[in-house]
Amino acid sequence: MDYIRQTYGVPAKRGGRVRVRFDSPDELNGREGTITSATSYVKVRLDGEKRPDIFYPLDLEYLEGVEK
């Protein structure tokens, strides 16, 4: 996670809540989930899903202090 935070300047942390934001309309746009892990990308388990998806760190809105 340190790499993601330092490289992209985002507050990514395991267990943090995020919202997917893409520039173009997409079926995942606006969905929320929980960060499960990260390497050079962020793994997010979207609400209602069993497995995490992989996202580019800047395609996420970090919802600090926002509850489900």
PDB file of N, CA and C in Angstrom:
ATOM      1  N   MET A   1       0.815  -1.200   0.000  1.00  0.00           N
ATOM      2  CA  MET A   1       0.000   0.000   0.000  1.00  0.00           C
ATOM      3  C   MET A   1       0.859   1.265   0.000  1.00  0.00           C
ATOM      4  N   ASP A   2       2.032   1.199   0.621  1.00  0.00           N
ATOM      5  CA  ASP A   2       2.896   2.378   0.652  1.00  0.00           C
ATOM      6  C   ASP A   2       3.232   2.853  -0.759  1.00  0.00           C
ATOM      7  N   TYR A   3       3.507   1.901  -1.658  1.00  0.00           N
ATOM      8  CA  TYR A   3       3.821   2.248  -3.042  1.00  0.00           C
ATOM      9  C   TYR A   3       2.655   3.018  -3.669  1.00  0.00           C
ATOM     10  N   ILE A   4       1.443   2.537  -3.501  1.00  0.00           N
ATOM     11  CA  ILE A   4       0.252   3.178  -4.066  1.00  0.00           C
ATOM     12  C   ILE A   4       0.089   4.581  -3.479  1.00  0.00           C
ATOM     13  N   ARG A   5       0.204   4.708  -2.160  1.00  0.00           N
ATOM     14  CA  ARG A   5       0.036   6.014  -1.511  1.00  0.00           C
ATOM     15  C   ARG A   5       1.072   7.019  -1.987  1.00  0.00           C
ATOM     16  N   GLN A   6       2.332   6.605  -2.051  1.00  0.00           N
ATOM     17  CA  GLN A   6       3.407   7.512  -2.425  1.00  0.00           C
ATOM     18  C   GLN A   6       3.392   7.846  -3.919  1.00  0.00           C
ATOM     19  N   THR A   7       3.176   6.861  -4.759  1.00  0.00           N
ATOM     20  CA  THR A   7       3.228   7.062  -6.206  1.00  0.00           C
ATOM     21  C   THR A   7       2.039   7.860  -6.730  1.00  0.00           C
ATOM     22  N   TYR A   8       0.841   7.572  -6.240  1.00  0.00           N
ATOM     23  CA  TYR A   8      -0.367   8.187  -6.777  1.00  0.00           C
ATOM     24  C   TYR A   8      -0.966   9.256  -5.869  1.00  0.00           C
ATOM     25  N   GLY A   9      -0.432   9.398  -4.655  1.00  0.00           N
ATOM     26  CA  GLY A   9      -0.929  10.425  -3.741  1.00  0.00           C
ATOM     27  C   GLY A   9      -2.356  10.211  -3.302  1.00  0.00           C
ATOM     28  N   VAL A  10      -2.719   8.955  -3.094  1.00  0.00           N
ATOM     29  CA  VAL A  10      -4.077   8.621  -2.648  1.00  0.00           C
ATOM     30  C   VAL A  10      -4.010   7.980  -1.262  1.00  0.00           C
ATOM     31  N   PRO A  11      -5.089   8.068  -0.475  1.00  0.00           N
ATOM     32  CA  PRO A  11      -5.091   7.512   0.882  1.00  0.00           C
ATOM     33  C   PRO A  11      -5.498   6.043   0.944  1.00  0.00           C
ATOM     34  N   ALA A  12      -4.967   5.232   0.049  1.00  0.00           N
ATOM     35  CA  ALA A  12      -5.353   3.815   0.006  1.00  0.00           C
ATOM     36  C   ALA A  12      -4.893   3.093   1.267  1.00  0.00           C
ATOM     37  N   LYS A  13      -5.802   2.290   1.831  1.00  0.00           N
ATOM     38  CA  LYS A  13      -5.450   1.442   2.964  1.00  0.00           C
ATOM     39  C   LYS A  13      -6.372   0.231   2.973  1.00  0.00           C
ATOM     40  N   ARG A  14      -5.851  -0.886   3.447  1.00  0.00           N
ATOM     41  CA  ARG A  14      -6.649  -2.105   3.517  1.00  0.00           C
ATOM     42  C   ARG A  14      -7.880  -1.837   4.380  1.00  0.00           C
ATOM     43  N   GLY A  15      -9.033  -2.222   3.870  1.00  0.00           N
ATOM     44  CA  GLY A  15     -10.288  -2.004   4.582  1.00  0.00           C
ATOM     45  C   GLY A  15     -10.938  -0.667   4.260  1.00  0.00           C
ATOM     46  N   GLY A  16     -10.233   0.195   3.518  1.00  0.00           N
ATOM     47  CA  GLY A  16     -10.783   1.497   3.141  1.00  0.00           C
ATOM     48  C   GLY A  16     -11.905   1.361   2.128  1.00  0.00           C
ATOM     49  N   ARG A  17     -12.846   2.282   2.204  1.00  0.00           N
ATOM     50  CA  ARG A  17     -13.978   2.275   1.280  1.00  0.00           C
ATOM     51  C   ARG A  17     -13.659   3.138   0.064  1.00  0.00           C
ATOM     52  N   VAL A  18     -14.091   2.670  -1.106  1.00  0.00           N
ATOM     53  CA  VAL A  18     -13.863   3.391  -2.358  1.00  0.00           C
ATOM     54  C   VAL A  18     -15.098   3.330  -3.243  1.00  0.00           C
ATOM     55  N   ARG A  19     -15.141   4.256  -4.206  1.00  0.00           N
ATOM     56  CA  ARG A  19     -16.178   4.258  -5.238  1.00  0.00           C
ATOM     57  C   ARG A  19     -15.462   4.247  -6.577  1.00  0.00           C
ATOM     58  N   VAL A  20     -15.920   3.413  -7.492  1.00  0.00           N
ATOM     59  CA  VAL A  20     -15.316   3.321  -8.823  1.00  0.00           C
ATOM     60  C   VAL A  20     -15.735   4.541  -9.626  1.00  0.00           C
ATOM     61  N   ARG A  21     -14.761   5.178 -10.274  1.00  0.00           N
ATOM     62  CA  ARG A  21     -15.050   6.335 -11.121  1.00  0.00           C
ATOM     63  C   ARG A  21     -14.245   6.222 -12.406  1.00  0.00           C
ATOM     64  N   PHE A  22     -14.916   6.046 -13.491  1.00  0.00           N
ATOM     65  CA  PHE A  22     -14.278   6.009 -14.802  1.00  0.00           C
ATOM     66  C   PHE A  22     -14.698   7.252 -15.560  1.00  0.00           C
ATOM     67  N   ASP A  23     -13.885   7.668 -16.498  1.00  0.00           N
ATOM     68  CA  ASP A  23     -14.225   8.827 -17.322  1.00  0.00           C
ATOM     69  C   ASP A  23     -15.372   8.521 -18.279  1.00  0.00           C
ATOM     70  N   SER A  24     -15.426   7.290 -18.755  1.00  0.00           N
ATOM     71  CA  SER A  24     -16.491   6.919 -19.681  1.00  0.00           C
ATOM     72  C   SER A  24     -17.527   6.059 -18.958  1.00  0.00           C
ATOM     73  N   PRO A  25     -18.771   6.060 -19.427  1.00  0.00           N
ATOM     74  CA  PRO A  25     -19.807   5.237 -18.784  1.00  0.00           C
ATOM     75  C   PRO A  25     -19.399   3.768 -18.778  1.00  0.00           C
ATOM     76  N   ASP A  26     -19.631   3.118 -17.673  1.00  0.00           N
ATOM     77  CA  ASP A  26     -19.254   1.721 -17.520  1.00  0.00           C
ATOM     78  C   ASP A  26     -20.181   1.094 -16.495  1.00  0.00           C
ATOM     79  N   GLU A  27     -20.387  -0.197 -16.586  1.00  0.00           N
ATOM     80  CA  GLU A  27     -21.289  -0.876 -15.650  1.00  0.00           C
ATOM     81  C   GLU A  27     -20.791  -0.832 -14.202  1.00  0.00           C
ATOM     82  N   LEU A  28     -19.494  -0.625 -13.999  1.00  0.00           N
ATOM     83  CA  LEU A  28     -18.950  -0.555 -12.641  1.00  0.00           C
ATOM     84  C   LEU A  28     -18.895   0.871 -12.103  1.00  0.00           C
ATOM     85  N   ASN A  29     -19.081   1.852 -12.958  1.00  0.00           N
ATOM     86  CA  ASN A  29     -18.985   3.251 -12.558  1.00  0.00           C
ATOM     87  C   ASN A  29     -19.974   3.550 -11.436  1.00  0.00           C
ATOM     88  N   GLY A  30     -19.461   4.115 -10.335  1.00  0.00           N
ATOM     89  CA  GLY A  30     -20.310   4.478  -9.211  1.00  0.00           C
ATOM     90  C   GLY A  30     -20.490   3.404  -8.165  1.00  0.00           C
ATOM     91  N   ARG A  31     -20.060   2.181  -8.463  1.00  0.00           N
ATOM     92  CA  ARG A  31     -20.186   1.112  -7.467  1.00  0.00           C
ATOM     93  C   ARG A  31     -19.174   1.314  -6.359  1.00  0.00           C
ATOM     94  N   GLU A  32     -19.524   0.868  -5.165  1.00  0.00           N
ATOM     95  CA  GLU A  32     -18.642   1.015  -4.016  1.00  0.00           C
ATOM     96  C   GLU A  32     -18.147  -0.345  -3.553  1.00  0.00           C
ATOM     97  N   GLY A  33     -17.013  -0.317  -2.841  1.00  0.00           N
ATOM     98  CA  GLY A  33     -16.439  -1.545  -2.329  1.00  0.00           C
ATOM     99  C   GLY A  33     -15.374  -1.268  -1.294  1.00  0.00           C
ATOM    100  N   THR A  34     -14.688  -2.333  -0.895  1.00  0.00           N
ATOM    101  CA  THR A  34     -13.679  -2.276   0.155  1.00  0.00           C
ATOM    102  C   THR A  34     -12.340  -2.749  -0.393  1.00  0.00           C
ATOM    103  N   ILE A  35     -11.272  -2.003  -0.091  1.00  0.00           N
ATOM    104  CA  ILE A  35      -9.934  -2.378  -0.526  1.00  0.00           C
ATOM    105  C   ILE A  35      -9.495  -3.623   0.239  1.00  0.00           C
ATOM    106  N   THR A  36      -9.038  -4.639  -0.498  1.00  0.00           N
ATOM    107  CA  THR A  36      -8.559  -5.865   0.140  1.00  0.00           C
ATOM    108  C   THR A  36      -7.043  -5.965   0.134  1.00  0.00           C
ATOM    109  N   SER A  37      -6.389  -5.429  -0.914  1.00  0.00           N
ATOM    110  CA  SER A  37      -4.929  -5.470  -0.997  1.00  0.00           C
ATOM    111  C   SER A  37      -4.479  -4.598  -2.169  1.00  0.00           C
ATOM    112  N   ALA A  38      -3.150  -4.511  -2.325  1.00  0.00           N
ATOM    113  CA  ALA A  38      -2.608  -3.728  -3.435  1.00  0.00           C
ATOM    114  C   ALA A  38      -1.179  -4.155  -3.726  1.00  0.00           C
ATOM    115  N   THR A  39      -0.798  -4.026  -4.991  1.00  0.00           N
ATOM    116  CA  THR A  39       0.595  -4.161  -5.423  1.00  0.00           C
ATOM    117  C   THR A  39       0.851  -2.892  -6.225  1.00  0.00           C
ATOM    118  N   SER A  40       0.833  -2.977  -7.549  1.00  0.00           N
ATOM    119  CA  SER A  40       0.885  -1.757  -8.353  1.00  0.00           C
ATOM    120  C   SER A  40      -0.526  -1.335  -8.763  1.00  0.00           C
ATOM    121  N   TYR A  41      -1.500  -2.141  -8.457  1.00  0.00           N
ATOM    122  CA  TYR A  41      -2.918  -1.850  -8.636  1.00  0.00           C
ATOM    123  C   TYR A  41      -3.615  -2.104  -7.316  1.00  0.00           C
ATOM    124  N   VAL A  42      -4.868  -1.671  -7.222  1.00  0.00           N
ATOM    125  CA  VAL A  42      -5.629  -1.846  -5.986  1.00  0.00           C
ATOM    126  C   VAL A  42      -6.689  -2.921  -6.209  1.00  0.00           C
ATOM    127  N   LYS A  43      -6.753  -3.884  -5.296  1.00  0.00           N
ATOM    128  CA  LYS A  43      -7.792  -4.911  -5.352  1.00  0.00           C
ATOM    129  C   LYS A  43      -8.946  -4.466  -4.466  1.00  0.00           C
ATOM    130  N   VAL A  44     -10.148  -4.465  -5.065  1.00  0.00           N
ATOM    131  CA  VAL A  44     -11.341  -3.996  -4.372  1.00  0.00           C
ATOM    132  C   VAL A  44     -12.428  -5.055  -4.496  1.00  0.00           C
ATOM    133  N   ARG A  45     -13.003  -5.440  -3.351  1.00  0.00           N
ATOM    134  CA  ARG A  45     -14.173  -6.323  -3.384  1.00  0.00           C
ATOM    135  C   ARG A  45     -15.398  -5.418  -3.398  1.00  0.00           C
ATOM    136  N   LEU A  46     -16.046  -5.333  -4.552  1.00  0.00           N
ATOM    137  CA  LEU A  46     -17.231  -4.505  -4.696  1.00  0.00           C
ATOM    138  C   LEU A  46     -18.370  -5.067  -3.862  1.00  0.00           C
ATOM    139  N   ASP A  47     -19.208  -4.191  -3.347  1.00  0.00           N
ATOM    140  CA  ASP A  47     -20.349  -4.621  -2.533  1.00  0.00           C
ATOM    141  C   ASP A  47     -21.188  -5.634  -3.303  1.00  0.00           C
ATOM    142  N   GLY A  48     -21.510  -6.736  -2.652  1.00  0.00           N
ATOM    143  CA  GLY A  48     -22.323  -7.777  -3.267  1.00  0.00           C
ATOM    144  C   GLY A  48     -21.546  -8.816  -4.045  1.00  0.00           C
ATOM    145  N   GLU A  49     -20.241  -8.645  -4.190  1.00  0.00           N
ATOM    146  CA  GLU A  49     -19.396  -9.594  -4.927  1.00  0.00           C
ATOM    147  C   GLU A  49     -18.582 -10.444  -3.951  1.00  0.00           C
ATOM    148  N   LYS A  50     -18.188 -11.622  -4.403  1.00  0.00           N
ATOM    149  CA  LYS A  50     -17.395 -12.517  -3.561  1.00  0.00           C
ATOM    150  C   LYS A  50     -15.895 -12.333  -3.747  1.00  0.00           C
ATOM    151  N   ARG A  51     -15.487 -11.953  -4.947  1.00  0.00           N
ATOM    152  CA  ARG A  51     -14.059 -11.826  -5.254  1.00  0.00           C
ATOM    153  C   ARG A  51     -13.699 -10.392  -5.607  1.00  0.00           C
ATOM    154  N   PRO A  52     -12.462 -10.004  -5.289  1.00  0.00           N
ATOM    155  CA  PRO A  52     -12.046  -8.633  -5.619  1.00  0.00           C
ATOM    156  C   PRO A  52     -11.737  -8.458  -7.101  1.00  0.00           C
ATOM    157  N   ASP A  53     -11.902  -7.234  -7.573  1.00  0.00           N
ATOM    158  CA  ASP A  53     -11.508  -6.833  -8.917  1.00  0.00           C
ATOM    159  C   ASP A  53     -10.272  -5.948  -8.784  1.00  0.00           C
ATOM    160  N   ILE A  54      -9.524  -5.802  -9.873  1.00  0.00           N
ATOM    161  CA  ILE A  54      -8.299  -5.002  -9.876  1.00  0.00           C
ATOM    162  C   ILE A  54      -8.575  -3.659 -10.546  1.00  0.00           C
ATOM    163  N   PHE A  55      -8.140  -2.578  -9.891  1.00  0.00           N
ATOM    164  CA  PHE A  55      -8.381  -1.227 -10.401  1.00  0.00           C
ATOM    165  C   PHE A  55      -7.105  -0.408 -10.389  1.00  0.00           C
ATOM    166  N   TYR A  56      -6.985   0.485 -11.352  1.00  0.00           N
ATOM    167  CA  TYR A  56      -5.925   1.479 -11.371  1.00  0.00           C
ATOM    168  C   TYR A  56      -6.238   2.460 -10.232  1.00  0.00           C
ATOM    169  N   PRO A  57      -5.249   2.818  -9.416  1.00  0.00           N
ATOM    170  CA  PRO A  57      -5.510   3.641  -8.230  1.00  0.00           C
ATOM    171  C   PRO A  57      -6.233   4.959  -8.482  1.00  0.00           C
ATOM    172  N   LEU A  58      -6.034   5.570  -9.644  1.00  0.00           N
ATOM    173  CA  LEU A  58      -6.687   6.846  -9.922  1.00  0.00           C
ATOM    174  C   LEU A  58      -8.097   6.689 -10.480  1.00  0.00           C
ATOM    175  N   ASP A  59      -8.550   5.441 -10.688  1.00  0.00           N
ATOM    176  CA  ASP A  59      -9.924   5.187 -11.120  1.00  0.00           C
ATOM    177  C   ASP A  59     -10.855   5.013  -9.927  1.00  0.00           C
ATOM    178  N   LEU A  60     -10.343   5.299  -8.719  1.00  0.00           N
ATOM    179  CA  LEU A  60     -11.130   5.126  -7.507  1.00  0.00           C
ATOM    180  C   LEU A  60     -11.265   6.444  -6.766  1.00  0.00           C
ATOM    181  N   GLU A  61     -12.429   6.635  -6.146  1.00  0.00           N
ATOM    182  CA  GLU A  61     -12.651   7.762  -5.252  1.00  0.00           C
ATOM    183  C   GLU A  61     -12.553   7.192  -3.841  1.00  0.00           C
ATOM    184  N   TYR A  62     -11.669   7.725  -3.043  1.00  0.00           N
ATOM    185  CA  TYR A  62     -11.422   7.208  -1.693  1.00  0.00           C
ATOM    186  C   TYR A  62     -12.380   7.885  -0.731  1.00  0.00           C
ATOM    187  N   LEU A  63     -13.201   7.093  -0.046  1.00  0.00           N
ATOM    188  CA  LEU A  63     -14.297   7.592   0.767  1.00  0.00           C
ATOM    189  C   LEU A  63     -13.933   7.624   2.249  1.00  0.00           C
ATOM    190  N   GLU A  64     -12.947   8.359   2.605  1.00  0.00           N
ATOM    191  CA  GLU A  64     -12.527   8.457   4.001  1.00  0.00           C
ATOM    192  C   GLU A  64     -13.669   9.001   4.855  1.00  0.00           C
ATOM    193  N   GLY A  65     -13.983   8.287   5.926  1.00  0.00           N
ATOM    194  CA  GLY A  65     -15.002   8.745   6.858  1.00  0.00           C
ATOM    195  C   GLY A  65     -16.434   8.522   6.396  1.00  0.00           C
ATOM    196  N   VAL A  66     -16.603   7.847   5.252  1.00  0.00           N
ATOM    197  CA  VAL A  66     -17.949   7.571   4.744  1.00  0.00           C
ATOM    198  C   VAL A  66     -18.299   6.132   5.064  1.00  0.00           C
ATOM    199  N   GLU A  67     -19.470   5.922   5.683  1.00  0.00           N
ATOM    200  CA  GLU A  67     -19.900   4.563   6.007  1.00  0.00           C
ATOM    201  C   GLU A  67     -20.816   4.042   4.933  1.00  0.00           C
ATOM    202  N   LYS A  68     -20.998   2.728   4.928  1.00  0.00           N
ATOM    203  CA  LYS A  68     -21.865   2.057   3.953  1.00  0.00           C
ATOM    204  C   LYS A  68     -23.252   2.623   3.972  1.00  0.00           C
TER     205      LYS A  68
END
